[in-house]
Amino acid sequence: MEKIEAARRGKGLIVLEGDSAEQVKQAIQKVSTISAVEGNQVSFEGQRIVEGHGFGRDVNCYDIYECPDGYLLHTYMNTGPNWAAAGKTLQAMLNAAPDLTVAKRAHGELVKKNLVSMKH
């Protein structure tokens, strides 16, 4: 399945890049099961619940997936390697994010969707 089609359906599909592929796969495996790897695309059990647009010069876009064992935040970067963070809860996932700016932006989107409170 192509990335665009997967994105329309909100299914778990990430395009891997060499410098971050292993880190992203490890994050996925903390909360889900990888169902297929085809070329540079990895499919996994999960449903996208947030599609975040890029901001600043560094961040292209980010997605949050609800997975069988928790949540996954994946970020496509314009500069530097892409990354992913996982956690059993949305807050644990945000706390695991290596980029505080992305975590704050993702938290704002989660608040808009009434998935977390403004307090955290």
Protein backbone atom coordinates (compact mmCIF):
# COMPACT_ATOMS: atom_id res chain seq x y z
CA MET A 1 0.00 0.00 0.00
CA GLU A 2 1.37 3.40 -0.87
CA LYS A 3 2.01 6.02 1.80
CA ILE A 4 -0.73 8.32 0.47
CA GLU A 5 -3.33 5.56 0.51
CA ALA A 6 -2.28 4.49 4.00
CA ALA A 7 -2.44 8.10 5.17
CA ARG A 8 -5.99 8.43 3.83
CA ARG A 9 -7.01 5.40 5.82
CA GLY A 10 -4.99 6.42 8.86
CA LYS A 11 -3.33 3.01 9.09
CA GLY A 12 0.08 2.44 10.61
CA LEU A 13 2.58 3.07 7.84
CA ILE A 14 5.87 4.94 8.12
CA VAL A 15 8.48 5.61 5.46
CA LEU A 16 11.86 4.85 6.98
CA GLU A 17 15.07 6.73 6.32
CA GLY A 18 18.44 5.06 6.74
CA ASP A 19 19.78 7.21 9.57
CA SER A 20 16.73 6.68 11.77
CA ALA A 21 15.17 3.41 10.57
CA GLU A 22 16.31 1.26 13.49
CA GLN A 23 15.25 3.80 16.16
CA VAL A 24 11.80 4.15 14.57
CA LYS A 25 11.31 0.36 14.32
CA GLN A 26 12.32 -0.06 17.98
CA ALA A 27 9.78 2.57 19.04
CA ILE A 28 7.04 0.85 17.02
CA GLN A 29 7.85 -2.50 18.63
CA LYS A 30 7.36 -1.01 22.13
CA VAL A 31 3.64 -0.49 21.43
CA SER A 32 2.75 -2.50 18.34
CA THR A 33 3.63 -5.33 16.00
CA ILE A 34 5.31 -4.69 12.68
CA SER A 35 3.17 -6.43 10.07
CA ALA A 36 5.30 -5.80 6.97
CA VAL A 37 8.48 -4.15 5.76
CA GLU A 38 8.55 -3.42 2.05
CA GLY A 39 11.52 -1.45 0.85
CA ASN A 40 11.66 1.62 3.05
CA GLN A 41 8.04 1.32 4.27
CA VAL A 42 7.09 -0.30 7.54
CA SER A 43 3.47 -1.24 8.30
CA PHE A 44 2.26 -1.86 11.84
CA GLU A 45 -0.89 -2.33 13.87
CA GLY A 46 -2.16 1.11 14.73
CA GLN A 47 -4.59 3.85 13.82
CA ARG A 48 -3.50 7.45 13.30
CA ILE A 49 -5.34 9.74 15.71
CA VAL A 50 -3.44 12.98 15.06
CA GLU A 51 -1.91 14.34 11.88
CA GLY A 52 0.32 17.27 12.75
CA HIS A 53 1.60 19.72 10.21
CA GLY A 54 5.17 20.89 10.04
CA PHE A 55 6.43 24.01 11.69
CA GLY A 56 9.67 25.92 11.83
CA ARG A 57 12.51 24.94 9.56
CA ASP A 58 13.16 21.54 11.12
CA VAL A 59 9.83 19.72 11.41
CA ASN A 60 8.11 18.51 8.23
CA CYS A 61 5.17 16.77 9.93
CA TYR A 62 4.29 14.37 12.74
CA ASP A 63 1.67 11.72 13.43
CA ILE A 64 0.34 10.08 16.58
CA TYR A 65 -0.90 6.51 16.37
CA GLU A 66 -3.04 4.58 18.83
CA CYS A 67 -1.53 1.10 18.91
CA PRO A 68 -2.48 -2.16 20.69
CA ASP A 69 -0.03 -1.54 23.58
CA GLY A 70 0.09 2.25 23.74
CA TYR A 71 0.82 5.26 21.57
CA LEU A 72 3.44 6.20 18.99
CA LEU A 73 4.59 9.68 17.97
CA HIS A 74 6.51 9.71 14.69
CA THR A 75 8.15 12.85 13.30
CA TYR A 76 9.46 13.47 9.79
CA MET A 77 12.21 16.09 10.02
CA ASN A 78 13.42 18.43 7.29
CA THR A 79 16.87 18.59 8.87
CA GLY A 80 18.32 15.81 10.95
CA PRO A 81 17.07 12.27 11.38
CA ASN A 82 13.40 11.39 11.74
CA TRP A 83 12.43 9.95 15.12
CA ALA A 84 9.69 8.17 17.01
CA ALA A 85 8.70 7.96 20.67
CA ALA A 86 6.38 5.43 22.29
CA GLY A 87 4.56 5.10 25.59
CA LYS A 88 1.81 3.12 27.30
CA THR A 89 -0.17 6.38 27.71
CA LEU A 90 -0.31 9.57 25.67
CA GLN A 91 1.53 11.42 28.43
CA ALA A 92 4.26 8.76 28.62
CA MET A 93 4.65 9.01 24.84
CA LEU A 94 5.00 12.80 25.03
CA ASN A 95 7.48 12.49 27.90
CA ALA A 96 9.60 10.11 25.79
CA ALA A 97 9.83 12.55 22.87
CA PRO A 98 13.42 13.73 22.32
CA ASP A 99 12.22 17.10 20.99
CA LEU A 100 10.27 19.21 23.50
CA THR A 101 8.98 21.56 20.79
CA VAL A 102 7.32 18.71 18.91
CA ALA A 103 5.97 17.24 22.18
CA LYS A 104 4.36 20.59 23.08
CA ARG A 105 2.83 20.97 19.62
CA ALA A 106 1.54 17.37 19.72
CA HIS A 107 0.10 17.96 23.19
CA GLY A 108 -1.80 20.98 21.83
CA GLU A 109 -3.33 18.84 19.07
CA LEU A 110 -4.30 16.16 21.61
CA VAL A 111 -6.00 18.84 23.76
CA LYS A 112 -7.95 20.10 20.72
CA LYS A 113 -9.24 16.56 20.16
CA ASN A 114 -10.10 16.17 23.88
CA LEU A 115 -7.69 13.23 24.19
CA VAL A 116 -5.68 14.79 27.05
CA SER A 117 -6.25 17.64 29.48
CA MET A 118 -4.52 21.00 29.31
CA LYS A 119 -2.85 20.41 32.69
CA HIS A 120 -0.01 18.16 31.46
